[in-house]
Amino acid sequence: MLKEERQAFIIKQINLHNKVLSSDLSLKLNVSEDTVRRDLHELAESGKILKVHGGALSKSFHNPFQQLEVYAKESKKEIARKTIQLFQDGMTVLVGGGTTMIEVARMVPDTLKCTFFTVSPLVALELAERSNINVILLGGQLSKNSHIMIGSQVINQLSEIRVDLCILGTNSISLEDGLTDSDWEVVQVKKAMIRSAKKTAIMSIAEKLDSAQNMKVCDLNAIHYLITDIKPTDPALTEYASLVTVL
């Protein structure tokens, strides 16, 4: 594979999953980690990605307020439009972070009267613009990669609340592996969030369907709604629809 093809593949993986590990890319591309590190260095130097220890991050995911272009933004807006249909007055809702969740926060109607718990300072700032929304930001250590609160403190707080609905983005989702991620700390927070909720909705652009990462969050039977940017009747969702409610 030519360098240009490798780097195009790397950018695609970063856009889809927000974060990639050098070791995973080495296996997928069948090249040495040194080759991957050189590619990541070049992509970072050209301003296309953010290089971090052991891998790289999407620039739009890491700095959503500063980027003019967010990957698949229109698809994420469509997911947001579907997601806000789940909200009802009087609900207590727990939400995660990420660019899709920020689109959801931006679409929450001013008339909605809810309490929102979140582990994301960025999402909390967006939700705080709504006059009828009560926003509670859970505290902990701020992850420099995912920009959500992580660690034992936030997990303990999550164990003390019970919400009507949890809304999460996902790094990868598949029928066989369920929800998966590449960050151990984020996985633990997501598990605690799901445990805190009566119902859980997962948001995912269709491109992430049938993909998997190294660390498991939960099986599909632990969630209630799968919200994507494609129609629920799309053949790509047929098998998912037998396990969860697809929106």
Protein backbone atom coordinates (compact mmCIF):
# COMPACT_ATOMS: atom_id res chain seq x y z
CA MET A 1 0.00 0.00 0.00
CA LEU A 2 1.31 3.42 -0.95
CA LYS A 3 1.91 6.08 1.68
CA GLU A 4 -0.95 8.20 0.34
CA GLU A 5 -3.32 5.23 0.63
CA ARG A 6 -2.13 4.46 4.18
CA GLN A 7 -2.63 8.03 5.28
CA ALA A 8 -6.08 8.24 3.68
CA PHE A 9 -7.01 5.07 5.60
CA ILE A 10 -5.67 6.54 8.84
CA ILE A 11 -7.67 9.76 8.42
CA LYS A 12 -10.80 7.74 7.66
CA GLN A 13 -10.35 5.69 10.85
CA ILE A 14 -9.76 8.81 12.94
CA ASN A 15 -12.83 10.52 11.50
CA LEU A 16 -14.98 7.49 12.27
CA HIS A 17 -13.67 6.57 15.71
CA ASN A 18 -12.25 9.92 16.95
CA LYS A 19 -9.13 8.22 18.29
CA VAL A 20 -6.80 5.57 16.86
CA LEU A 21 -3.93 3.61 18.37
CA SER A 22 -0.67 3.10 16.53
CA SER A 23 -0.65 -0.59 17.43
CA ASP A 24 -4.14 -1.12 15.95
CA LEU A 25 -3.25 0.74 12.75
CA SER A 26 -0.09 -1.34 12.41
CA LEU A 27 -2.15 -4.55 12.43
CA LYS A 28 -4.85 -3.25 10.09
CA LEU A 29 -2.35 -1.86 7.59
CA ASN A 30 0.11 -4.74 7.98
CA VAL A 31 3.05 -2.36 8.44
CA SER A 32 5.43 -1.67 11.29
CA GLU A 33 4.52 0.70 14.11
CA ASP A 34 7.48 2.86 13.07
CA THR A 35 5.83 3.33 9.67
CA VAL A 36 2.54 4.25 11.34
CA ARG A 37 4.27 6.72 13.65
CA ARG A 38 5.93 8.40 10.67
CA ASP A 39 2.57 8.66 8.92
CA LEU A 40 0.95 10.12 12.03
CA HIS A 41 3.79 12.61 12.40
CA GLU A 42 3.35 13.79 8.80
CA LEU A 43 -0.42 14.08 9.16
CA ALA A 44 -0.01 16.03 12.40
CA GLU A 45 2.57 18.33 10.82
CA SER A 46 0.11 19.09 8.00
CA GLY A 47 -2.58 19.94 10.55
CA LYS A 48 -4.94 17.09 9.65
CA ILE A 49 -4.86 15.25 13.00
CA LEU A 50 -3.67 15.64 16.58
CA LYS A 51 -0.87 13.24 17.51
CA VAL A 52 -0.94 11.93 21.08
CA HIS A 53 1.00 9.28 22.97
CA GLY A 54 0.32 5.92 21.35
CA GLY A 55 -1.88 7.22 18.54
CA ALA A 56 -3.84 10.20 17.25
CA LEU A 57 -7.09 12.15 17.69
CA SER A 58 -9.59 13.81 15.41
CA LYS A 59 -9.16 17.59 15.49
CA SER A 60 -12.91 18.24 15.21
CA PHE A 61 -13.67 15.87 18.10
CA HIS A 62 -11.00 17.36 20.32
CA ASN A 63 -11.89 21.00 19.58
CA PRO A 64 -15.55 20.99 18.40
CA PHE A 65 -16.05 24.73 19.03
CA GLN A 66 -12.96 25.73 17.09
CA GLN A 67 -13.37 23.61 13.97
CA LEU A 68 -15.26 24.84 10.94
CA GLU A 69 -15.72 21.29 9.73
CA VAL A 70 -16.94 18.37 11.83
CA TYR A 71 -16.85 14.98 10.14
CA ALA A 72 -20.29 13.89 8.87
CA LYS A 73 -21.89 16.95 10.47
CA GLU A 74 -25.16 16.68 8.54
CA SER A 75 -25.47 13.02 9.52
CA LYS A 76 -24.90 13.95 13.16
CA LYS A 77 -27.55 16.67 12.90
CA GLU A 78 -30.01 14.09 11.59
CA ILE A 79 -29.22 11.85 14.56
CA ALA A 80 -29.74 14.83 16.87
CA ARG A 81 -33.15 15.56 15.35
CA LYS A 82 -34.21 11.97 16.06
CA THR A 83 -32.71 11.96 19.56
CA ILE A 84 -34.56 15.00 20.88
CA GLN A 85 -37.85 13.24 20.09
CA LEU A 86 -37.09 10.99 23.10
CA PHE A 87 -37.09 13.92 25.53
CA GLN A 88 -40.20 14.70 27.56
CA ASP A 89 -40.94 17.34 30.18
CA GLY A 90 -40.02 16.22 33.68
CA MET A 91 -37.41 13.70 32.55
CA THR A 92 -34.03 13.23 34.17
CA VAL A 93 -31.50 12.60 31.40
CA LEU A 94 -27.85 11.55 31.55
CA VAL A 95 -25.70 12.40 28.53
CA GLY A 96 -22.13 11.79 27.39
CA GLY A 97 -19.84 13.86 25.22
CA GLY A 98 -18.70 14.06 21.63
CA THR A 99 -19.62 16.00 18.51
CA THR A 100 -22.97 14.28 17.99
CA MET A 101 -24.00 14.98 21.59
CA ILE A 102 -23.11 18.65 21.11
CA GLU A 103 -25.46 18.73 18.11
CA VAL A 104 -28.19 17.23 20.32
CA ALA A 105 -27.59 19.87 23.01
CA ARG A 106 -27.86 22.61 20.40
CA MET A 107 -31.26 21.28 19.26
CA VAL A 108 -32.87 20.92 22.68
CA PRO A 109 -35.94 23.18 22.51
CA ASP A 110 -36.10 26.15 24.87
CA THR A 111 -39.51 24.98 26.07
CA LEU A 112 -38.27 21.59 27.34
CA LYS A 113 -38.27 21.28 31.13
CA CYS A 114 -35.76 18.61 32.15
CA THR A 115 -32.81 17.91 34.39
CA PHE A 116 -29.67 16.90 32.55
CA PHE A 117 -26.69 15.21 34.17
CA THR A 118 -23.57 15.12 32.02
CA VAL A 119 -19.91 14.10 32.21
CA SER A 120 -19.00 16.58 29.46
CA PRO A 121 -18.17 20.22 30.27
CA LEU A 122 -18.64 21.13 26.59
CA VAL A 123 -22.14 19.64 26.49
CA ALA A 124 -22.97 21.26 29.84
CA LEU A 125 -22.12 24.68 28.40
CA GLU A 126 -24.45 24.12 25.45
CA LEU A 127 -27.32 22.86 27.61
CA ALA A 128 -26.93 25.76 30.04
CA GLU A 129 -28.12 28.11 27.29
CA ARG A 130 -31.66 26.68 27.72
CA SER A 131 -33.59 28.58 30.38
CA ASN A 132 -35.81 25.66 31.43
CA ILE A 133 -33.03 23.08 31.67
CA ASN A 134 -31.37 22.24 34.98
CA VAL A 135 -27.79 21.14 34.22
CA ILE A 136 -25.64 19.12 36.63
CA LEU A 137 -22.02 18.52 35.63
CA LEU A 138 -20.56 15.44 37.30
CA GLY A 139 -17.07 16.02 38.64
CA GLY A 140 -13.88 14.05 38.25
CA GLN A 141 -10.64 14.04 36.31
CA LEU A 142 -10.97 15.64 32.88
CA SER A 143 -9.72 13.37 30.11
CA LYS A 144 -7.46 15.32 27.77
CA ASN A 145 -8.36 12.98 24.92
CA SER A 146 -12.14 12.65 25.21
CA HIS A 147 -12.96 15.85 27.15
CA ILE A 148 -15.25 14.00 29.54
CA MET A 149 -14.91 13.38 33.25
CA ILE A 150 -13.28 10.06 34.12
CA GLY A 151 -12.05 8.22 37.20
CA SER A 152 -13.45 6.83 40.43
CA GLN A 153 -15.00 10.10 41.57
CA VAL A 154 -17.36 10.40 38.60
CA ILE A 155 -18.15 6.67 38.70
CA ASN A 156 -19.10 6.97 42.39
CA GLN A 157 -21.39 9.89 41.60
CA LEU A 158 -23.03 7.92 38.79
CA SER A 159 -23.75 5.08 41.22
CA GLU A 160 -25.82 7.50 43.31
CA ILE A 161 -28.23 8.64 40.61
CA ARG A 162 -31.06 6.97 38.70
CA VAL A 163 -32.14 8.63 35.46
CA ASP A 164 -34.95 8.03 32.99
CA LEU A 165 -32.74 8.03 29.93
CA CYS A 166 -29.03 7.83 29.11
CA ILE A 167 -27.78 9.13 25.75
CA LEU A 168 -24.35 8.02 24.57
CA GLY A 169 -22.29 8.21 21.43
CA THR A 170 -20.26 5.17 20.47
CA ASN A 171 -16.81 4.53 19.11
CA SER A 172 -17.85 1.28 17.43
CA ILE A 173 -20.91 -0.96 17.36
CA SER A 174 -21.56 -4.43 15.96
CA LEU A 175 -23.99 -7.30 16.36
CA GLU A 176 -21.32 -9.65 17.65
CA ASP A 177 -19.30 -7.35 19.91
CA GLY A 178 -21.90 -4.80 20.97
CA LEU A 179 -20.55 -1.39 21.99
CA THR A 180 -16.76 -1.13 22.07
CA ASP A 181 -14.16 1.58 22.62
CA SER A 182 -10.40 2.05 22.64
CA ASP A 183 -10.08 3.99 25.93
CA TRP A 184 -10.24 1.99 29.17
CA GLU A 185 -11.22 4.95 31.37
CA VAL A 186 -14.00 5.99 28.99
CA VAL A 187 -15.31 2.42 28.91
CA GLN A 188 -15.64 2.39 32.71
CA VAL A 189 -17.55 5.68 32.71
CA LYS A 190 -19.90 4.51 29.95
CA LYS A 191 -20.60 1.28 31.84
CA ALA A 192 -21.47 3.27 34.96
CA MET A 193 -23.71 5.60 32.94
CA ILE A 194 -25.66 2.67 31.48
CA ARG A 195 -26.08 1.17 34.95
CA SER A 196 -27.54 4.48 36.17
CA ALA A 197 -30.31 4.60 33.56
CA LYS A 198 -33.70 2.98 33.17
CA LYS A 199 -33.23 3.15 29.39
CA THR A 200 -30.22 3.82 27.19
CA ALA A 201 -30.03 5.24 23.67
CA ILE A 202 -26.92 4.89 21.54
CA MET A 203 -26.16 7.35 18.74
CA SER A 204 -24.05 6.22 15.79
CA ILE A 205 -23.50 7.34 12.23
CA ALA A 206 -24.14 4.43 9.88
CA GLU A 207 -20.47 4.23 8.91
CA LYS A 208 -19.67 2.91 12.39
CA LEU A 209 -22.05 -0.03 12.14
CA ASP A 210 -20.36 -3.43 12.12
CA SER A 211 -17.06 -2.09 13.50
CA ALA A 212 -15.29 -3.04 16.71
CA GLN A 213 -12.58 -1.75 19.07
CA ASN A 214 -10.50 -3.57 21.68
CA MET A 215 -12.52 -2.83 24.82
CA LYS A 216 -16.14 -3.77 25.46
CA VAL A 217 -18.74 -1.43 26.92
CA CYS A 218 -21.79 -3.69 26.73
CA ASP A 219 -23.79 -6.09 24.58
CA LEU A 220 -26.59 -4.77 22.41
CA ASN A 221 -29.20 -6.25 24.74
CA ALA A 222 -28.14 -3.70 27.37
CA ILE A 223 -29.46 -0.80 25.26
CA HIS A 224 -32.98 0.16 24.23
CA TYR A 225 -32.58 2.53 21.28
CA LEU A 226 -30.13 2.74 18.39
CA ILE A 227 -30.26 6.12 16.66
CA THR A 228 -28.55 6.50 13.27
CA ASP A 229 -28.57 8.90 10.34
CA ILE A 230 -30.26 6.40 8.00
CA LYS A 231 -33.87 5.26 7.81
CA PRO A 232 -34.90 2.53 10.29
CA THR A 233 -36.01 0.44 7.30
CA ASP A 234 -32.54 0.47 5.75
CA PRO A 235 -31.25 -3.10 5.18
CA ALA A 236 -28.10 -2.26 7.15
CA LEU A 237 -30.27 -2.02 10.27
CA THR A 238 -32.41 -5.12 9.79
CA GLU A 239 -30.49 -7.37 12.20
CA TYR A 240 -30.02 -4.56 14.72
CA ALA A 241 -33.77 -3.93 14.70
CA SER A 242 -34.33 -7.48 15.97
CA LEU A 243 -32.40 -6.60 19.16
CA VAL A 244 -33.11 -2.90 19.82
CA THR A 245 -35.58 -0.20 18.79
CA VAL A 246 -34.04 1.54 15.79
CA LEU A 247 -34.74 5.21 15.16
